[in-house]
Amino acid sequence: MQSEARTRWACRRGMLELDVILMPFMDNHYAQLPEEEKLIFQRLLAGDDPELFAWFMGHEACNDAELAQMIKKIHKLNGALV
Protein backbone atom coordinates (compact mmCIF):
# COMPACT_ATOMS: atom_id res chain seq x y z
CA MET A 1 0.00 0.00 0.00
CA GLN A 2 1.28 3.47 -0.81
CA SER A 3 1.57 6.23 1.76
CA GLU A 4 -1.27 8.64 2.43
CA ALA A 5 0.86 11.50 1.08
CA ARG A 6 1.42 9.60 -2.17
CA THR A 7 -2.29 8.83 -2.44
CA ARG A 8 -3.12 12.49 -1.81
CA TRP A 9 -0.73 13.48 -4.61
CA ALA A 10 -2.39 10.95 -6.95
CA CYS A 11 -5.74 12.67 -6.30
CA ARG A 12 -4.39 15.80 -7.98
CA ARG A 13 -5.43 15.28 -11.56
CA GLY A 14 -5.16 17.09 -14.88
CA MET A 15 -8.91 17.79 -14.85
CA LEU A 16 -10.45 20.22 -12.39
CA GLU A 17 -13.66 18.17 -12.38
CA LEU A 18 -11.77 15.18 -10.97
CA ASP A 19 -9.93 17.31 -8.40
CA VAL A 20 -13.30 18.58 -7.15
CA ILE A 21 -14.47 14.98 -6.65
CA LEU A 22 -11.32 13.27 -5.41
CA MET A 23 -9.74 15.86 -3.11
CA PRO A 24 -12.76 16.31 -0.79
CA PHE A 25 -13.07 12.53 -0.53
CA MET A 26 -9.38 12.25 0.30
CA ASP A 27 -9.55 15.07 2.84
CA ASN A 28 -12.74 13.99 4.58
CA HIS A 29 -13.15 10.22 4.23
CA TYR A 30 -10.02 8.36 3.12
CA ALA A 31 -8.48 8.01 6.58
CA GLN A 32 -11.59 6.20 7.87
CA LEU A 33 -11.67 3.61 5.08
CA PRO A 34 -10.78 0.00 5.87
CA GLU A 35 -7.40 -1.02 4.43
CA GLU A 36 -9.07 -3.07 1.67
CA GLU A 37 -11.03 -0.03 0.47
CA LYS A 38 -7.91 2.14 0.60
CA LEU A 39 -6.29 -0.31 -1.82
CA ILE A 40 -9.31 -0.15 -4.12
CA PHE A 41 -9.23 3.67 -4.03
CA GLN A 42 -5.52 3.61 -4.89
CA ARG A 43 -6.27 1.24 -7.78
CA LEU A 44 -8.97 3.63 -8.97
CA LEU A 45 -6.45 6.48 -8.99
CA ALA A 46 -4.26 4.46 -11.37
CA GLY A 47 -6.86 5.03 -14.10
CA ASP A 48 -6.40 7.76 -16.66
CA ASP A 49 -8.32 11.03 -16.45
CA PRO A 50 -10.70 10.54 -19.41
CA GLU A 51 -11.70 7.11 -18.12
CA LEU A 52 -12.23 8.37 -14.54
CA PHE A 53 -14.17 11.37 -15.81
CA ALA A 54 -16.49 9.15 -17.86
CA TRP A 55 -17.12 6.89 -14.87
CA PHE A 56 -17.69 9.66 -12.34
CA MET A 57 -19.97 11.61 -14.69
CA GLY A 58 -21.96 8.49 -15.57
CA HIS A 59 -21.07 8.66 -19.26
CA GLU A 60 -19.70 5.12 -19.14
CA ALA A 61 -20.11 2.21 -16.76
CA CYS A 62 -17.06 0.89 -14.98
CA ASN A 63 -16.77 -2.84 -15.67
CA ASP A 64 -14.73 -3.51 -12.52
CA ALA A 65 -17.21 -4.18 -9.70
CA GLU A 66 -14.86 -3.01 -6.92
CA LEU A 67 -14.03 0.24 -8.69
CA ALA A 68 -17.68 0.84 -9.55
CA GLN A 69 -18.61 0.38 -5.89
CA MET A 70 -15.86 2.81 -4.84
CA ILE A 71 -17.15 5.40 -7.32
CA LYS A 72 -20.63 5.06 -5.80
CA LYS A 73 -19.19 5.39 -2.31
CA ILE A 74 -17.26 8.53 -3.26
CA HIS A 75 -20.40 10.09 -4.76
CA LYS A 76 -22.43 9.20 -1.67
CA LEU A 77 -19.89 10.47 0.85
CA ASN A 78 -19.28 13.64 -1.15
CA GLY A 79 -23.05 14.26 -1.26
CA ALA A 80 -23.40 13.95 -5.05
CA LEU A 81 -26.78 13.37 -6.59
CA VAL A 82 -25.42 10.91 -9.19
PDB file of N, CA and C in Angstrom:
ATOM      1  N   MET A   1       0.850  -1.170   0.000  1.00  0.00           N
ATOM      2  CA  MET A   1       0.000   0.000   0.000  1.00  0.00           C
ATOM      3  C   MET A   1       0.896   1.234   0.000  1.00  0.00           C
ATOM      4  N   GLN A   2       0.486   2.241  -0.766  1.00  0.00           N
ATOM      5  CA  GLN A   2       1.279   3.467  -0.810  1.00  0.00           C
ATOM      6  C   GLN A   2       0.921   4.383   0.355  1.00  0.00           C
ATOM      7  N   SER A   3       1.781   5.321   0.637  1.00  0.00           N
ATOM      8  CA  SER A   3       1.570   6.231   1.757  1.00  0.00           C
ATOM      9  C   SER A   3       0.382   7.150   1.499  1.00  0.00           C
ATOM     10  N   GLU A   4      -0.148   7.706   2.577  1.00  0.00           N
ATOM     11  CA  GLU A   4      -1.265   8.638   2.433  1.00  0.00           C
ATOM     12  C   GLU A   4      -0.848   9.874   1.632  1.00  0.00           C
ATOM     13  N   ALA A   5       0.372  10.341   1.827  1.00  0.00           N
ATOM     14  CA  ALA A   5       0.860  11.498   1.078  1.00  0.00           C
ATOM     15  C   ALA A   5       0.916  11.202  -0.419  1.00  0.00           C
ATOM     16  N   ARG A   6       1.348  10.002  -0.758  1.00  0.00           N
ATOM     17  CA  ARG A   6       1.422   9.602  -2.173  1.00  0.00           C
ATOM     18  C   ARG A   6       0.017   9.478  -2.761  1.00  0.00           C
ATOM     19  N   THR A   7      -0.903   8.943  -1.983  1.00  0.00           N
ATOM     20  CA  THR A   7      -2.288   8.830  -2.439  1.00  0.00           C
ATOM     21  C   THR A   7      -2.888  10.210  -2.623  1.00  0.00           C
ATOM     22  N   ARG A   8      -2.626  11.111  -1.696  1.00  0.00           N
ATOM     23  CA  ARG A   8      -3.121  12.493  -1.813  1.00  0.00           C
ATOM     24  C   ARG A   8      -2.603  13.124  -3.107  1.00  0.00           C
ATOM     25  N   TRP A   9      -1.308  12.917  -3.392  1.00  0.00           N
ATOM     26  CA  TRP A   9      -0.727  13.478  -4.608  1.00  0.00           C
ATOM     27  C   TRP A   9      -1.413  12.880  -5.847  1.00  0.00           C
ATOM     28  N   ALA A  10      -1.733  11.602  -5.806  1.00  0.00           N
ATOM     29  CA  ALA A  10      -2.388  10.945  -6.949  1.00  0.00           C
ATOM     30  C   ALA A  10      -3.802  11.479  -7.177  1.00  0.00           C
ATOM     31  N   CYS A  11      -4.402  12.073  -6.151  1.00  0.00           N
ATOM     32  CA  CYS A  11      -5.735  12.669  -6.297  1.00  0.00           C
ATOM     33  C   CYS A  11      -5.693  13.960  -7.109  1.00  0.00           C
ATOM     34  N   ARG A  12      -4.536  14.566  -7.204  1.00  0.00           N
ATOM     35  CA  ARG A  12      -4.390  15.800  -7.985  1.00  0.00           C
ATOM     36  C   ARG A  12      -4.304  15.410  -9.448  1.00  0.00           C
ATOM     37  N   ARG A  13      -5.322  15.742 -10.185  1.00  0.00           N
ATOM     38  CA  ARG A  13      -5.432  15.282 -11.560  1.00  0.00           C
ATOM     39  C   ARG A  13      -5.239  16.428 -12.544  1.00  0.00           C
ATOM     40  N   GLY A  14      -5.264  16.086 -13.821  1.00  0.00           N
ATOM     41  CA  GLY A  14      -5.164  17.087 -14.876  1.00  0.00           C
ATOM     42  C   GLY A  14      -6.502  17.727 -15.210  1.00  0.00           C
ATOM     43  N   MET A  15      -7.568  17.249 -14.595  1.00  0.00           N
ATOM     44  CA  MET A  15      -8.906  17.790 -14.847  1.00  0.00           C
ATOM     45  C   MET A  15      -9.472  18.342 -13.545  1.00  0.00           C
ATOM     46  N   LEU A  16      -9.872  19.586 -13.573  1.00  0.00           N
ATOM     47  CA  LEU A  16     -10.447  20.222 -12.391  1.00  0.00           C
ATOM     48  C   LEU A  16     -11.652  19.446 -11.883  1.00  0.00           C
ATOM     49  N   GLU A  17     -12.459  18.910 -12.783  1.00  0.00           N
ATOM     50  CA  GLU A  17     -13.656  18.165 -12.385  1.00  0.00           C
ATOM     51  C   GLU A  17     -13.303  16.975 -11.493  1.00  0.00           C
ATOM     52  N   LEU A  18     -12.204  16.323 -11.796  1.00  0.00           N
ATOM     53  CA  LEU A  18     -11.773  15.184 -10.971  1.00  0.00           C
ATOM     54  C   LEU A  18     -11.186  15.655  -9.645  1.00  0.00           C
ATOM     55  N   ASP A  19     -10.449  16.755  -9.664  1.00  0.00           N
ATOM     56  CA  ASP A  19      -9.929  17.314  -8.405  1.00  0.00           C
ATOM     57  C   ASP A  19     -11.067  17.627  -7.447  1.00  0.00           C
ATOM     58  N   VAL A  20     -12.148  18.181  -7.972  1.00  0.00           N
ATOM     59  CA  VAL A  20     -13.295  18.579  -7.150  1.00  0.00           C
ATOM     60  C   VAL A  20     -13.991  17.362  -6.535  1.00  0.00           C
ATOM     61  N   ILE A  21     -13.878  16.215  -7.167  1.00  0.00           N
ATOM     62  CA  ILE A  21     -14.471  14.982  -6.646  1.00  0.00           C
ATOM     63  C   ILE A  21     -13.501  14.265  -5.703  1.00  0.00           C
ATOM     64  N   LEU A  22     -12.270  14.108  -6.140  1.00  0.00           N
ATOM     65  CA  LEU A  22     -11.315  13.272  -5.415  1.00  0.00           C
ATOM     66  C   LEU A  22     -10.721  13.931  -4.180  1.00  0.00           C
ATOM     67  N   MET A  23     -10.393  15.204  -4.251  1.00  0.00           N
ATOM     68  CA  MET A  23      -9.743  15.856  -3.110  1.00  0.00           C
ATOM     69  C   MET A  23     -10.639  15.933  -1.874  1.00  0.00           C
ATOM     70  N   PRO A  24     -11.918  16.312  -1.989  1.00  0.00           N
ATOM     71  CA  PRO A  24     -12.762  16.307  -0.789  1.00  0.00           C
ATOM     72  C   PRO A  24     -12.902  14.912  -0.183  1.00  0.00           C
ATOM     73  N   PHE A  25     -13.003  13.898  -1.032  1.00  0.00           N
ATOM     74  CA  PHE A  25     -13.070  12.526  -0.531  1.00  0.00           C
ATOM     75  C   PHE A  25     -11.794  12.189   0.237  1.00  0.00           C
ATOM     76  N   MET A  26     -10.663  12.519  -0.351  1.00  0.00           N
ATOM     77  CA  MET A  26      -9.383  12.248   0.300  1.00  0.00           C
ATOM     78  C   MET A  26      -9.297  12.986   1.628  1.00  0.00           C
ATOM     79  N   ASP A  27      -9.658  14.243   1.633  1.00  0.00           N
ATOM     80  CA  ASP A  27      -9.552  15.071   2.840  1.00  0.00           C
ATOM     81  C   ASP A  27     -10.501  14.639   3.951  1.00  0.00           C
ATOM     82  N   ASN A  28     -11.689  14.207   3.583  1.00  0.00           N
ATOM     83  CA  ASN A  28     -12.740  13.986   4.578  1.00  0.00           C
ATOM     84  C   ASN A  28     -13.052  12.529   4.910  1.00  0.00           C
ATOM     85  N   HIS A  29     -12.672  11.591   4.035  1.00  0.00           N
ATOM     86  CA  HIS A  29     -13.145  10.221   4.226  1.00  0.00           C
ATOM     87  C   HIS A  29     -12.082   9.133   4.111  1.00  0.00           C
ATOM     88  N   TYR A  30     -11.009   9.405   3.392  1.00  0.00           N
ATOM     89  CA  TYR A  30     -10.019   8.363   3.118  1.00  0.00           C
ATOM     90  C   TYR A  30      -9.466   7.725   4.391  1.00  0.00           C
ATOM     91  N   ALA A  31      -9.127   8.524   5.365  1.00  0.00           N
ATOM     92  CA  ALA A  31      -8.485   8.009   6.579  1.00  0.00           C
ATOM     93  C   ALA A  31      -9.358   6.999   7.320  1.00  0.00           C
ATOM     94  N   GLN A  32     -10.676   7.100   7.176  1.00  0.00           N
ATOM     95  CA  GLN A  32     -11.588   6.198   7.873  1.00  0.00           C
ATOM     96  C   GLN A  32     -11.883   4.909   7.099  1.00  0.00           C
ATOM     97  N   LEU A  33     -11.405   4.812   5.879  1.00  0.00           N
ATOM     98  CA  LEU A  33     -11.665   3.612   5.083  1.00  0.00           C
ATOM     99  C   LEU A  33     -10.922   2.413   5.654  1.00  0.00           C
ATOM    100  N   PRO A  34     -11.529   1.224   5.555  1.00  0.00           N
ATOM    101  CA  PRO A  34     -10.775   0.001   5.874  1.00  0.00           C
ATOM    102  C   PRO A  34      -9.619  -0.152   4.878  1.00  0.00           C
ATOM    103  N   GLU A  35      -8.585  -0.857   5.274  1.00  0.00           N
ATOM    104  CA  GLU A  35      -7.396  -1.021   4.426  1.00  0.00           C
ATOM    105  C   GLU A  35      -7.754  -1.551   3.034  1.00  0.00           C
ATOM    106  N   GLU A  36      -8.672  -2.494   2.965  1.00  0.00           N
ATOM    107  CA  GLU A  36      -9.073  -3.066   1.673  1.00  0.00           C
ATOM    108  C   GLU A  36      -9.633  -1.986   0.748  1.00  0.00           C
ATOM    109  N   GLU A  37     -10.457  -1.096   1.287  1.00  0.00           N
ATOM    110  CA  GLU A  37     -11.031  -0.033   0.467  1.00  0.00           C
ATOM    111  C   GLU A  37      -9.987   1.023   0.100  1.00  0.00           C
ATOM    112  N   LYS A  38      -9.007   1.227   0.954  1.00  0.00           N
ATOM    113  CA  LYS A  38      -7.914   2.142   0.599  1.00  0.00           C
ATOM    114  C   LYS A  38      -7.175   1.609  -0.628  1.00  0.00           C
ATOM    115  N   LEU A  39      -6.957   0.299  -0.664  1.00  0.00           N
ATOM    116  CA  LEU A  39      -6.287  -0.307  -1.817  1.00  0.00           C
ATOM    117  C   LEU A  39      -7.127  -0.168  -3.088  1.00  0.00           C
ATOM    118  N   ILE A  40      -8.427  -0.318  -2.961  1.00  0.00           N
ATOM    119  CA  ILE A  40      -9.313  -0.154  -4.117  1.00  0.00           C
ATOM    120  C   ILE A  40      -9.275   1.298  -4.601  1.00  0.00           C
ATOM    121  N   PHE A  41      -9.304   2.249  -3.669  1.00  0.00           N
ATOM    122  CA  PHE A  41      -9.225   3.666  -4.035  1.00  0.00           C
ATOM    123  C   PHE A  41      -7.906   3.954  -4.746  1.00  0.00           C
ATOM    124  N   GLN A  42      -6.813   3.408  -4.245  1.00  0.00           N
ATOM    125  CA  GLN A  42      -5.517   3.606  -4.892  1.00  0.00           C
ATOM    126  C   GLN A  42      -5.514   3.001  -6.295  1.00  0.00           C
ATOM    127  N   ARG A  43      -6.166   1.869  -6.449  1.00  0.00           N
ATOM    128  CA  ARG A  43      -6.267   1.242  -7.779  1.00  0.00           C
ATOM    129  C   ARG A  43      -7.098   2.115  -8.717  1.00  0.00           C
ATOM    130  N   LEU A  44      -8.151   2.716  -8.176  1.00  0.00           N
ATOM    131  CA  LEU A  44      -8.972   3.634  -8.965  1.00  0.00           C
ATOM    132  C   LEU A  44      -8.127   4.800  -9.481  1.00  0.00           C
ATOM    133  N   LEU A  45      -7.278   5.334  -8.614  1.00  0.00           N
ATOM    134  CA  LEU A  45      -6.447   6.478  -8.990  1.00  0.00           C
ATOM    135  C   LEU A  45      -5.434   6.141 -10.078  1.00  0.00           C
ATOM    136  N   ALA A  46      -5.190   4.865 -10.317  1.00  0.00           N
ATOM    137  CA  ALA A  46      -4.260   4.455 -11.372  1.00  0.00           C
ATOM    138  C   ALA A  46      -4.876   4.611 -12.760  1.00  0.00           C
ATOM    139  N   GLY A  47      -6.197   4.834 -12.818  1.00  0.00           N
ATOM    140  CA  GLY A  47      -6.862   5.034 -14.101  1.00  0.00           C
ATOM    141  C   GLY A  47      -6.487   6.366 -14.717  1.00  0.00           C
ATOM    142  N   ASP A  48      -6.721   6.482 -16.021  1.00  0.00           N
ATOM    143  CA  ASP A  48      -6.404   7.759 -16.661  1.00  0.00           C
ATOM    144  C   ASP A  48      -7.596   8.716 -16.540  1.00  0.00           C
ATOM    145  N   ASP A  49      -7.311   9.998 -16.694  1.00  0.00           N
ATOM    146  CA  ASP A  49      -8.318  11.028 -16.453  1.00  0.00           C
ATOM    147  C   ASP A  49      -9.579  10.881 -17.304  1.00  0.00           C
ATOM    148  N   PRO A  50      -9.468  10.661 -18.623  1.00  0.00           N
ATOM    149  CA  PRO A  50     -10.701  10.540 -19.412  1.00  0.00           C
ATOM    150  C   PRO A  50     -11.592   9.374 -18.959  1.00  0.00           C
ATOM    151  N   GLU A  51     -10.966   8.275 -18.594  1.00  0.00           N
ATOM    152  CA  GLU A  51     -11.704   7.112 -18.117  1.00  0.00           C
ATOM    153  C   GLU A  51     -12.399   7.434 -16.784  1.00  0.00           C
ATOM    154  N   LEU A  52     -11.654   8.006 -15.832  1.00  0.00           N
ATOM    155  CA  LEU A  52     -12.232   8.367 -14.542  1.00  0.00           C
ATOM    156  C   LEU A  52     -13.357   9.382 -14.714  1.00  0.00           C
ATOM    157  N   PHE A  53     -13.148  10.363 -15.566  1.00  0.00           N
ATOM    158  CA  PHE A  53     -14.170  11.375 -15.807  1.00  0.00           C
ATOM    159  C   PHE A  53     -15.453  10.726 -16.324  1.00  0.00           C
ATOM    160  N   ALA A  54     -15.319   9.832 -17.292  1.00  0.00           N
ATOM    161  CA  ALA A  54     -16.493   9.151 -17.857  1.00  0.00           C
ATOM    162  C   ALA A  54     -17.223   8.344 -16.796  1.00  0.00           C
ATOM    163  N   TRP A  55     -16.496   7.681 -15.934  1.00  0.00           N
ATOM    164  CA  TRP A  55     -17.122   6.885 -14.871  1.00  0.00           C
ATOM    165  C   TRP A  55     -17.807   7.772 -13.844  1.00  0.00           C
ATOM    166  N   PHE A  56     -17.116   8.805 -13.378  1.00  0.00           N
ATOM    167  CA  PHE A  56     -17.693   9.664 -12.345  1.00  0.00           C
ATOM    168  C   PHE A  56     -18.883  10.473 -12.850  1.00  0.00           C
ATOM    169  N   MET A  57     -18.870  10.836 -14.121  1.00  0.00           N
ATOM    170  CA  MET A  57     -19.974  11.614 -14.689  1.00  0.00           C
ATOM    171  C   MET A  57     -21.123  10.732 -15.177  1.00  0.00           C
ATOM    172  N   GLY A  58     -20.914   9.413 -15.137  1.00  0.00           N
ATOM    173  CA  GLY A  58     -21.956   8.493 -15.566  1.00  0.00           C
ATOM    174  C   GLY A  58     -22.074   8.351 -17.072  1.00  0.00           C
ATOM    175  N   HIS A  59     -21.055   8.789 -17.806  1.00  0.00           N
ATOM    176  CA  HIS A  59     -21.069   8.658 -19.264  1.00  0.00           C
ATOM    177  C   HIS A  59     -20.776   7.234 -19.706  1.00  0.00           C
ATOM    178  N   GLU A  60     -20.033   6.512 -18.877  1.00  0.00           N
ATOM    179  CA  GLU A  60     -19.700   5.119 -19.141  1.00  0.00           C
ATOM    180  C   GLU A  60     -19.788   4.346 -17.831  1.00  0.00           C
ATOM    181  N   ALA A  61     -20.094   3.080 -17.941  1.00  0.00           N
ATOM    182  CA  ALA A  61     -20.114   2.213 -16.757  1.00  0.00           C
ATOM    183  C   ALA A  61     -18.726   1.623 -16.551  1.00  0.00           C
ATOM    184  N   CYS A  62     -18.320   1.547 -15.320  1.00  0.00           N
ATOM    185  CA  CYS A  62     -17.059   0.895 -14.977  1.00  0.00           C
ATOM    186  C   CYS A  62     -17.328  -0.605 -14.896  1.00  0.00           C
ATOM    187  N   ASN A  63     -16.560  -1.396 -15.627  1.00  0.00           N
ATOM    188  CA  ASN A  63     -16.774  -2.841 -15.669  1.00  0.00           C
ATOM    189  C   ASN A  63     -16.149  -3.588 -14.496  1.00  0.00           C
ATOM    190  N   ASP A  64     -15.352  -2.901 -13.688  1.00  0.00           N
ATOM    191  CA  ASP A  64     -14.735  -3.506 -12.516  1.00  0.00           C
ATOM    192  C   ASP A  64     -15.663  -3.256 -11.323  1.00  0.00           C
ATOM    193  N   ALA A  65     -16.203  -4.309 -10.763  1.00  0.00           N
ATOM    194  CA  ALA A  65     -17.205  -4.180  -9.696  1.00  0.00           C
ATOM    195  C   ALA A  65     -16.669  -3.431  -8.474  1.00  0.00           C
ATOM    196  N   GLU A  66     -15.430  -3.698  -8.086  1.00  0.00           N
ATOM    197  CA  GLU A  66     -14.857  -3.013  -6.919  1.00  0.00           C
ATOM    198  C   GLU A  66     -14.695  -1.515  -7.174  1.00  0.00           C
ATOM    199  N   LEU A  67     -14.197  -1.179  -8.363  1.00  0.00           N
ATOM    200  CA  LEU A  67     -14.029   0.237  -8.689  1.00  0.00           C
ATOM    201  C   LEU A  67     -15.374   0.935  -8.813  1.00  0.00           C
ATOM    202  N   ALA A  68     -16.350   0.258  -9.417  1.00  0.00           N
ATOM    203  CA  ALA A  68     -17.684   0.839  -9.550  1.00  0.00           C
ATOM    204  C   ALA A  68     -18.295   1.109  -8.178  1.00  0.00           C
ATOM    205  N   GLN A  69     -18.102   0.195  -7.248  1.00  0.00           N
ATOM    206  CA  GLN A  69     -18.610   0.379  -5.889  1.00  0.00           C
ATOM    207  C   GLN A  69     -17.907   1.549  -5.204  1.00  0.00           C
ATOM    208  N   MET A  70     -16.611   1.694  -5.428  1.00  0.00           N
ATOM    209  CA  MET A  70     -15.864   2.807  -4.837  1.00  0.00           C
ATOM    210  C   MET A  70     -16.355   4.135  -5.406  1.00  0.00           C
ATOM    211  N   ILE A  71     -16.627   4.176  -6.692  1.00  0.00           N
ATOM    212  CA  ILE A  71     -17.150   5.400  -7.316  1.00  0.00           C
ATOM    213  C   ILE A  71     -18.478   5.772  -6.673  1.00  0.00           C
ATOM    214  N   LYS A  72     -19.353   4.797  -6.467  1.00  0.00           N
ATOM    215  CA  LYS A  72     -20.635   5.059  -5.802  1.00  0.00           C
ATOM    216  C   LYS A  72     -20.416   5.572  -4.387  1.00  0.00           C
ATOM    217  N   LYS A  73     -19.474   4.972  -3.679  1.00  0.00           N
ATOM    218  CA  LYS A  73     -19.188   5.390  -2.306  1.00  0.00           C
ATOM    219  C   LYS A  73     -18.679   6.837  -2.272  1.00  0.00           C
ATOM    220  N   ILE A  74     -17.796   7.173  -3.195  1.00  0.00           N
ATOM    221  CA  ILE A  74     -17.264   8.534  -3.263  1.00  0.00           C
ATOM    222  C   ILE A  74     -18.398   9.524  -3.517  1.00  0.00           C
ATOM    223  N   HIS A  75     -19.253   9.214  -4.482  1.00  0.00           N
ATOM    224  CA  HIS A  75     -20.404  10.086  -4.757  1.00  0.00           C
ATOM    225  C   HIS A  75     -21.274  10.255  -3.509  1.00  0.00           C
ATOM    226  N   LYS A  76     -21.560   9.155  -2.848  1.00  0.00           N
ATOM    227  CA  LYS A  76     -22.427   9.198  -1.670  1.00  0.00           C
ATOM    228  C   LYS A  76     -21.803  10.031  -0.553  1.00  0.00           C
ATOM    229  N   LEU A  77     -20.544   9.759  -0.251  1.00  0.00           N
ATOM    230  CA  LEU A  77     -19.894  10.468   0.850  1.00  0.00           C
ATOM    231  C   LEU A  77     -19.633  11.936   0.528  1.00  0.00           C
ATOM    232  N   ASN A  78     -19.467  12.247  -0.741  1.00  0.00           N
ATOM    233  CA  ASN A  78     -19.285  13.638  -1.152  1.00  0.00           C
ATOM    234  C   ASN A  78     -20.623  14.372  -1.269  1.00  0.00           C
ATOM    235  N   GLY A  79     -21.737  13.621  -1.171  1.00  0.00           N
ATOM    236  CA  GLY A  79     -23.047  14.256  -1.257  1.00  0.00           C
ATOM    237  C   GLY A  79     -23.528  14.501  -2.669  1.00  0.00           C
ATOM    238  N   ALA A  80     -22.980  13.766  -3.647  1.00  0.00           N
ATOM    239  CA  ALA A  80     -23.398  13.947  -5.046  1.00  0.00           C
ATOM    240  C   ALA A  80     -24.766  13.339  -5.267  1.00  0.00           C
ATOM    241  N   LEU A  81     -25.445  13.851  -6.244  1.00  0.00           N
ATOM    242  CA  LEU A  81     -26.777  13.368  -6.590  1.00  0.00           C
ATOM    243  C   LEU A  81     -26.737  12.262  -7.637  1.00  0.00           C
ATOM    244  N   VAL A  82     -25.550  11.916  -8.120  1.00  0.00           N
ATOM    245  CA  VAL A  82     -25.417  10.912  -9.187  1.00  0.00           C
ATOM    246  C   VAL A  82     -25.632   9.525  -8.614  1.00  0.00           C
TER     247      VAL A  82
END
